[in-house]
Amino acid sequence: MPTKSGDILILFTEQTFTIHIVGVVSADGQQDLSGDVDQSKAIQAGTLAAALAAARLIRPEGRSIFFQNIDTGEWSEL
């Protein structure tokens, strides 16, 4: 995933229940929200629409939003 510092990452899972986690990427190439990410700033959303709304609010100008299904490993740029 070609993420860069400042991009927004939305992680999605349906393992136990549907949840989206939205957070800011802190290092180029980052594919999760662990490590240097301030976990207190991660946003949980129950729907993709809510996750996208949250991502748009926190996205710095000129940065991308990436979506990853952590159940399948598939990702896309939104």
PDB file of N, CA and C in Angstrom:
ATOM      1  N   MET A   1       0.847  -1.171   0.000  1.00  0.00           N
ATOM      2  CA  MET A   1       0.000   0.000   0.000  1.00  0.00           C
ATOM      3  C   MET A   1       0.896   1.240   0.000  1.00  0.00           C
ATOM      4  N   PRO A   2       0.690   2.147  -0.930  1.00  0.00           N
ATOM      5  CA  PRO A   2       1.591   3.293  -1.067  1.00  0.00           C
ATOM      6  C   PRO A   2       1.233   4.483  -0.164  1.00  0.00           C
ATOM      7  N   THR A   3       1.014   4.234   1.100  1.00  0.00           N
ATOM      8  CA  THR A   3       0.661   5.326   2.008  1.00  0.00           C
ATOM      9  C   THR A   3       1.863   6.209   2.293  1.00  0.00           C
ATOM     10  N   LYS A   4       1.563   7.465   2.612  1.00  0.00           N
ATOM     11  CA  LYS A   4       2.590   8.421   3.005  1.00  0.00           C
ATOM     12  C   LYS A   4       2.144   9.083   4.298  1.00  0.00           C
ATOM     13  N   SER A   5       3.100   9.556   5.053  1.00  0.00           N
ATOM     14  CA  SER A   5       2.801  10.226   6.304  1.00  0.00           C
ATOM     15  C   SER A   5       1.769  11.328   6.068  1.00  0.00           C
ATOM     16  N   GLY A   6       0.718  11.328   6.890  1.00  0.00           N
ATOM     17  CA  GLY A   6      -0.354  12.306   6.766  1.00  0.00           C
ATOM     18  C   GLY A   6      -1.573  11.786   6.041  1.00  0.00           C
ATOM     19  N   ASP A   7      -1.432  10.675   5.288  1.00  0.00           N
ATOM     20  CA  ASP A   7      -2.594  10.061   4.649  1.00  0.00           C
ATOM     21  C   ASP A   7      -3.525   9.510   5.727  1.00  0.00           C
ATOM     22  N   ILE A   8      -4.745   9.189   5.329  1.00  0.00           N
ATOM     23  CA  ILE A   8      -5.725   8.614   6.234  1.00  0.00           C
ATOM     24  C   ILE A   8      -5.930   7.149   5.857  1.00  0.00           C
ATOM     25  N   LEU A   9      -5.987   6.289   6.860  1.00  0.00           N
ATOM     26  CA  LEU A   9      -6.192   4.859   6.650  1.00  0.00           C
ATOM     27  C   LEU A   9      -7.482   4.440   7.334  1.00  0.00           C
ATOM     28  N   ILE A  10      -8.366   3.786   6.572  1.00  0.00           N
ATOM     29  CA  ILE A  10      -9.582   3.207   7.122  1.00  0.00           C
ATOM     30  C   ILE A  10      -9.404   1.694   7.095  1.00  0.00           C
ATOM     31  N   LEU A  11      -9.438   1.073   8.262  1.00  0.00           N
ATOM     32  CA  LEU A  11      -9.354  -0.383   8.364  1.00  0.00           C
ATOM     33  C   LEU A  11     -10.754  -0.925   8.614  1.00  0.00           C
ATOM     34  N   PHE A  12     -11.100  -2.031   7.943  1.00  0.00           N
ATOM     35  CA  PHE A  12     -12.437  -2.593   8.005  1.00  0.00           C
ATOM     36  C   PHE A  12     -12.361  -4.072   8.353  1.00  0.00           C
ATOM     37  N   THR A  13     -13.259  -4.532   9.208  1.00  0.00           N
ATOM     38  CA  THR A  13     -13.353  -5.952   9.521  1.00  0.00           C
ATOM     39  C   THR A  13     -14.801  -6.341   9.766  1.00  0.00           C
ATOM     40  N   GLU A  14     -15.119  -7.580   9.464  1.00  0.00           N
ATOM     41  CA  GLU A  14     -16.426  -8.158   9.764  1.00  0.00           C
ATOM     42  C   GLU A  14     -16.261  -9.451  10.557  1.00  0.00           C
ATOM     43  N   GLN A  15     -15.097  -9.679  11.152  1.00  0.00           N
ATOM     44  CA  GLN A  15     -14.823 -10.932  11.860  1.00  0.00           C
ATOM     45  C   GLN A  15     -15.861 -11.215  12.944  1.00  0.00           C
ATOM     46  N   THR A  16     -16.021 -10.323  13.899  1.00  0.00           N
ATOM     47  CA  THR A  16     -16.978 -10.512  14.979  1.00  0.00           C
ATOM     48  C   THR A  16     -18.209  -9.644  14.737  1.00  0.00           C
ATOM     49  N   PHE A  17     -17.954  -8.419  14.353  1.00  0.00           N
ATOM     50  CA  PHE A  17     -19.005  -7.479  13.985  1.00  0.00           C
ATOM     51  C   PHE A  17     -18.378  -6.461  13.045  1.00  0.00           C
ATOM     52  N   THR A  18     -19.191  -5.724  12.329  1.00  0.00           N
ATOM     53  CA  THR A  18     -18.660  -4.769  11.357  1.00  0.00           C
ATOM     54  C   THR A  18     -18.145  -3.529  12.060  1.00  0.00           C
ATOM     55  N   ILE A  19     -16.894  -3.189  11.758  1.00  0.00           N
ATOM     56  CA  ILE A  19     -16.315  -1.966  12.333  1.00  0.00           C
ATOM     57  C   ILE A  19     -15.290  -1.381  11.370  1.00  0.00           C
ATOM     58  N   HIS A  20     -15.219  -0.084  11.376  1.00  0.00           N
ATOM     59  CA  HIS A  20     -14.230   0.658  10.610  1.00  0.00           C
ATOM     60  C   HIS A  20     -13.414   1.472  11.607  1.00  0.00           C
ATOM     61  N   ILE A  21     -12.105   1.455  11.470  1.00  0.00           N
ATOM     62  CA  ILE A  21     -11.219   2.269  12.298  1.00  0.00           C
ATOM     63  C   ILE A  21     -10.525   3.267  11.371  1.00  0.00           C
ATOM     64  N   VAL A  22     -10.556   4.531  11.721  1.00  0.00           N
ATOM     65  CA  VAL A  22      -9.987   5.598  10.901  1.00  0.00           C
ATOM     66  C   VAL A  22      -8.832   6.225  11.672  1.00  0.00           C
ATOM     67  N   GLY A  23      -7.688   6.378  11.023  1.00  0.00           N
ATOM     68  CA  GLY A  23      -6.545   7.006  11.671  1.00  0.00           C
ATOM     69  C   GLY A  23      -5.597   7.622  10.673  1.00  0.00           C
ATOM     70  N   VAL A  24      -4.689   8.438  11.179  1.00  0.00           N
ATOM     71  CA  VAL A  24      -3.702   9.138  10.350  1.00  0.00           C
ATOM     72  C   VAL A  24      -2.431   8.299  10.258  1.00  0.00           C
ATOM     73  N   VAL A  25      -1.914   8.133   9.058  1.00  0.00           N
ATOM     74  CA  VAL A  25      -0.675   7.403   8.808  1.00  0.00           C
ATOM     75  C   VAL A  25       0.499   8.241   9.318  1.00  0.00           C
ATOM     76  N   SER A  26       1.401   7.606  10.071  1.00  0.00           N
ATOM     77  CA  SER A  26       2.533   8.337  10.632  1.00  0.00           C
ATOM     78  C   SER A  26       3.859   8.046   9.928  1.00  0.00           C
ATOM     79  N   ALA A  27       3.887   7.020   9.052  1.00  0.00           N
ATOM     80  CA  ALA A  27       5.131   6.671   8.353  1.00  0.00           C
ATOM     81  C   ALA A  27       4.813   6.164   6.952  1.00  0.00           C
ATOM     82  N   ASP A  28       5.637   6.522   5.988  1.00  0.00           N
ATOM     83  CA  ASP A  28       5.448   6.057   4.618  1.00  0.00           C
ATOM     84  C   ASP A  28       5.369   4.536   4.576  1.00  0.00           C
ATOM     85  N   GLY A  29       4.406   4.008   3.811  1.00  0.00           N
ATOM     86  CA  GLY A  29       4.243   2.568   3.653  1.00  0.00           C
ATOM     87  C   GLY A  29       3.459   1.892   4.770  1.00  0.00           C
ATOM     88  N   GLN A  30       3.005   2.652   5.740  1.00  0.00           N
ATOM     89  CA  GLN A  30       2.267   2.082   6.881  1.00  0.00           C
ATOM     90  C   GLN A  30       0.990   1.400   6.407  1.00  0.00           C
ATOM     91  N   GLN A  31       0.702   0.197   6.946  1.00  0.00           N
ATOM     92  CA  GLN A  31      -0.466  -0.571   6.536  1.00  0.00           C
ATOM     93  C   GLN A  31      -1.379  -0.924   7.698  1.00  0.00           C
ATOM     94  N   ASP A  32      -1.134  -0.363   8.856  1.00  0.00           N
ATOM     95  CA  ASP A  32      -2.002  -0.613  10.007  1.00  0.00           C
ATOM     96  C   ASP A  32      -2.008   0.634  10.880  1.00  0.00           C
ATOM     97  N   LEU A  33      -2.679   0.567  11.999  1.00  0.00           N
ATOM     98  CA  LEU A  33      -2.744   1.722  12.889  1.00  0.00           C
ATOM     99  C   LEU A  33      -2.107   1.408  14.226  1.00  0.00           C
ATOM    100  N   SER A  34      -1.009   0.664  14.191  1.00  0.00           N
ATOM    101  CA  SER A  34      -0.266   0.368  15.413  1.00  0.00           C
ATOM    102  C   SER A  34       1.032   1.168  15.419  1.00  0.00           C
ATOM    103  N   GLY A  35       1.826   0.964  16.417  1.00  0.00           N
ATOM    104  CA  GLY A  35       3.123   1.632  16.461  1.00  0.00           C
ATOM    105  C   GLY A  35       3.010   3.071  16.906  1.00  0.00           C
ATOM    106  N   ASP A  36       3.456   3.998  16.043  1.00  0.00           N
ATOM    107  CA  ASP A  36       3.523   5.411  16.397  1.00  0.00           C
ATOM    108  C   ASP A  36       2.179   6.130  16.371  1.00  0.00           C
ATOM    109  N   VAL A  37       1.131   5.466  15.926  1.00  0.00           N
ATOM    110  CA  VAL A  37      -0.176   6.119  15.839  1.00  0.00           C
ATOM    111  C   VAL A  37      -0.719   6.374  17.232  1.00  0.00           C
ATOM    112  N   ASP A  38      -1.228   7.571  17.457  1.00  0.00           N
ATOM    113  CA  ASP A  38      -1.863   7.920  18.732  1.00  0.00           C
ATOM    114  C   ASP A  38      -3.224   7.230  18.764  1.00  0.00           C
ATOM    115  N   GLN A  39      -3.313   6.103  19.461  1.00  0.00           N
ATOM    116  CA  GLN A  39      -4.533   5.305  19.493  1.00  0.00           C
ATOM    117  C   GLN A  39      -5.735   6.097  20.019  1.00  0.00           C
ATOM    118  N   SER A  40      -5.490   7.096  20.862  1.00  0.00           N
ATOM    119  CA  SER A  40      -6.600   7.889  21.391  1.00  0.00           C
ATOM    120  C   SER A  40      -7.255   8.738  20.302  1.00  0.00           C
ATOM    121  N   LYS A  41      -6.561   8.920  19.171  1.00  0.00           N
ATOM    122  CA  LYS A  41      -7.112   9.711  18.073  1.00  0.00           C
ATOM    123  C   LYS A  41      -7.745   8.847  16.992  1.00  0.00           C
ATOM    124  N   ALA A  42      -7.665   7.518  17.124  1.00  0.00           N
ATOM    125  CA  ALA A  42      -8.303   6.627  16.161  1.00  0.00           C
ATOM    126  C   ALA A  42      -9.817   6.734  16.354  1.00  0.00           C
ATOM    127  N   ILE A  43     -10.545   6.746  15.255  1.00  0.00           N
ATOM    128  CA  ILE A  43     -11.996   6.905  15.270  1.00  0.00           C
ATOM    129  C   ILE A  43     -12.640   5.596  14.862  1.00  0.00           C
ATOM    130  N   GLN A  44     -13.626   5.130  15.621  1.00  0.00           N
ATOM    131  CA  GLN A  44     -14.380   3.936  15.275  1.00  0.00           C
ATOM    132  C   GLN A  44     -15.691   4.348  14.638  1.00  0.00           C
ATOM    133  N   ALA A  45     -16.069   3.665  13.568  1.00  0.00           N
ATOM    134  CA  ALA A  45     -17.324   3.960  12.879  1.00  0.00           C
ATOM    135  C   ALA A  45     -17.985   2.643  12.489  1.00  0.00           C
ATOM    136  N   GLY A  46     -19.291   2.591  12.568  1.00  0.00           N
ATOM    137  CA  GLY A  46     -20.027   1.363  12.253  1.00  0.00           C
ATOM    138  C   GLY A  46     -20.320   1.168  10.783  1.00  0.00           C
ATOM    139  N   THR A  47     -20.235   2.239   9.987  1.00  0.00           N
ATOM    140  CA  THR A  47     -20.523   2.137   8.561  1.00  0.00           C
ATOM    141  C   THR A  47     -19.407   2.790   7.758  1.00  0.00           C
ATOM    142  N   LEU A  48     -19.309   2.396   6.497  1.00  0.00           N
ATOM    143  CA  LEU A  48     -18.309   3.012   5.626  1.00  0.00           C
ATOM    144  C   LEU A  48     -18.615   4.493   5.436  1.00  0.00           C
ATOM    145  N   ALA A  49     -19.885   4.854   5.327  1.00  0.00           N
ATOM    146  CA  ALA A  49     -20.241   6.263   5.156  1.00  0.00           C
ATOM    147  C   ALA A  49     -19.754   7.099   6.343  1.00  0.00           C
ATOM    148  N   ALA A  50     -19.946   6.594   7.553  1.00  0.00           N
ATOM    149  CA  ALA A  50     -19.488   7.312   8.748  1.00  0.00           C
ATOM    150  C   ALA A  50     -17.969   7.382   8.790  1.00  0.00           C
ATOM    151  N   ALA A  51     -17.299   6.299   8.384  1.00  0.00           N
ATOM    152  CA  ALA A  51     -15.832   6.276   8.360  1.00  0.00           C
ATOM    153  C   ALA A  51     -15.301   7.286   7.348  1.00  0.00           C
ATOM    154  N   LEU A  52     -15.923   7.357   6.176  1.00  0.00           N
ATOM    155  CA  LEU A  52     -15.494   8.322   5.154  1.00  0.00           C
ATOM    156  C   LEU A  52     -15.715   9.751   5.621  1.00  0.00           C
ATOM    157  N   ALA A  53     -16.836  10.008   6.286  1.00  0.00           N
ATOM    158  CA  ALA A  53     -17.100  11.356   6.803  1.00  0.00           C
ATOM    159  C   ALA A  53     -16.029  11.741   7.821  1.00  0.00           C
ATOM    160  N   ALA A  54     -15.681  10.813   8.717  1.00  0.00           N
ATOM    161  CA  ALA A  54     -14.641  11.080   9.719  1.00  0.00           C
ATOM    162  C   ALA A  54     -13.288  11.286   9.045  1.00  0.00           C
ATOM    163  N   ALA A  55     -12.980  10.467   8.051  1.00  0.00           N
ATOM    164  CA  ALA A  55     -11.700  10.571   7.344  1.00  0.00           C
ATOM    165  C   ALA A  55     -11.567  11.924   6.650  1.00  0.00           C
ATOM    166  N   ARG A  56     -12.648  12.383   6.043  1.00  0.00           N
ATOM    167  CA  ARG A  56     -12.609  13.677   5.343  1.00  0.00           C
ATOM    168  C   ARG A  56     -12.405  14.831   6.318  1.00  0.00           C
ATOM    169  N   LEU A  57     -12.922  14.686   7.537  1.00  0.00           N
ATOM    170  CA  LEU A  57     -12.763  15.739   8.542  1.00  0.00           C
ATOM    171  C   LEU A  57     -11.322  15.873   9.032  1.00  0.00           C
ATOM    172  N   ILE A  58     -10.610  14.747   9.134  1.00  0.00           N
ATOM    173  CA  ILE A  58      -9.256  14.787   9.695  1.00  0.00           C
ATOM    174  C   ILE A  58      -8.151  14.769   8.639  1.00  0.00           C
ATOM    175  N   ARG A  59      -8.515  14.575   7.380  1.00  0.00           N
ATOM    176  CA  ARG A  59      -7.506  14.486   6.314  1.00  0.00           C
ATOM    177  C   ARG A  59      -6.881  15.851   6.046  1.00  0.00           C
ATOM    178  N   PRO A  60      -5.556  15.919   6.136  1.00  0.00           N
ATOM    179  CA  PRO A  60      -4.877  17.162   5.756  1.00  0.00           C
ATOM    180  C   PRO A  60      -5.026  17.397   4.251  1.00  0.00           C
ATOM    181  N   GLU A  61      -5.044  18.637   3.841  1.00  0.00           N
ATOM    182  CA  GLU A  61      -5.182  18.967   2.430  1.00  0.00           C
ATOM    183  C   GLU A  61      -4.075  18.298   1.611  1.00  0.00           C
ATOM    184  N   GLY A  62      -4.473  17.707   0.494  1.00  0.00           N
ATOM    185  CA  GLY A  62      -3.511  17.077  -0.400  1.00  0.00           C
ATOM    186  C   GLY A  62      -3.141  15.649  -0.044  1.00  0.00           C
ATOM    187  N   ARG A  63      -3.694  15.100   1.029  1.00  0.00           N
ATOM    188  CA  ARG A  63      -3.382  13.731   1.443  1.00  0.00           C
ATOM    189  C   ARG A  63      -4.473  12.790   0.941  1.00  0.00           C
ATOM    190  N   SER A  64      -4.148  11.515   0.837  1.00  0.00           N
ATOM    191  CA  SER A  64      -5.060  10.493   0.318  1.00  0.00           C
ATOM    192  C   SER A  64      -5.764   9.744   1.439  1.00  0.00           C
ATOM    193  N   ILE A  65      -6.870   9.078   1.068  1.00  0.00           N
ATOM    194  CA  ILE A  65      -7.586   8.184   1.985  1.00  0.00           C
ATOM    195  C   ILE A  65      -7.472   6.776   1.414  1.00  0.00           C
ATOM    196  N   PHE A  66      -6.979   5.847   2.233  1.00  0.00           N
ATOM    197  CA  PHE A  66      -6.855   4.452   1.836  1.00  0.00           C
ATOM    198  C   PHE A  66      -7.799   3.609   2.665  1.00  0.00           C
ATOM    199  N   PHE A  67      -8.314   2.538   2.063  1.00  0.00           N
ATOM    200  CA  PHE A  67      -9.247   1.620   2.708  1.00  0.00           C
ATOM    201  C   PHE A  67      -8.658   0.226   2.628  1.00  0.00           C
ATOM    202  N   GLN A  68      -8.618  -0.483   3.753  1.00  0.00           N
ATOM    203  CA  GLN A  68      -8.119  -1.857   3.740  1.00  0.00           C
ATOM    204  C   GLN A  68      -9.081  -2.769   4.483  1.00  0.00           C
ATOM    205  N   ASN A  69      -9.480  -3.857   3.818  1.00  0.00           N
ATOM    206  CA  ASN A  69     -10.261  -4.905   4.453  1.00  0.00           C
ATOM    207  C   ASN A  69      -9.250  -5.830   5.118  1.00  0.00           C
ATOM    208  N   ILE A  70      -9.158  -5.794   6.434  1.00  0.00           N
ATOM    209  CA  ILE A  70      -8.129  -6.589   7.107  1.00  0.00           C
ATOM    210  C   ILE A  70      -8.481  -8.072   7.151  1.00  0.00           C
ATOM    211  N   ASP A  71      -9.725  -8.412   6.802  1.00  0.00           N
ATOM    212  CA  ASP A  71     -10.104  -9.825   6.718  1.00  0.00           C
ATOM    213  C   ASP A  71      -9.516 -10.470   5.466  1.00  0.00           C
ATOM    214  N   THR A  72      -9.460  -9.715   4.370  1.00  0.00           N
ATOM    215  CA  THR A  72      -8.994 -10.265   3.090  1.00  0.00           C
ATOM    216  C   THR A  72      -7.638  -9.721   2.669  1.00  0.00           C
ATOM    217  N   GLY A  73      -7.221  -8.608   3.269  1.00  0.00           N
ATOM    218  CA  GLY A  73      -5.966  -7.966   2.871  1.00  0.00           C
ATOM    219  C   GLY A  73      -6.121  -7.032   1.690  1.00  0.00           C
ATOM    220  N   GLU A  74      -7.302  -6.992   1.079  1.00  0.00           N
ATOM    221  CA  GLU A  74      -7.528  -6.120  -0.082  1.00  0.00           C
ATOM    222  C   GLU A  74      -7.554  -4.667   0.359  1.00  0.00           C
ATOM    223  N   TRP A  75      -7.025  -3.775  -0.499  1.00  0.00           N
ATOM    224  CA  TRP A  75      -7.006  -2.355  -0.182  1.00  0.00           C
ATOM    225  C   TRP A  75      -7.284  -1.550  -1.438  1.00  0.00           C
ATOM    226  N   SER A  76      -7.690  -0.314  -1.232  1.00  0.00           N
ATOM    227  CA  SER A  76      -7.909   0.592  -2.350  1.00  0.00           C
ATOM    228  C   SER A  76      -7.728   2.022  -1.867  1.00  0.00           C
ATOM    229  N   GLU A  77      -7.525   2.906  -2.820  1.00  0.00           N
ATOM    230  CA  GLU A  77      -7.454   4.327  -2.516  1.00  0.00           C
ATOM    231  C   GLU A  77      -8.823   4.906  -2.828  1.00  0.00           C
ATOM    232  N   LEU A  78      -9.370   5.647  -1.885  1.00  0.00           N
ATOM    233  CA  LEU A  78     -10.709   6.220  -2.071  1.00  0.00           C
ATOM    234  C   LEU A  78     -10.628   7.660  -2.500  1.00  0.00           C
TER     235      LEU A  78
END
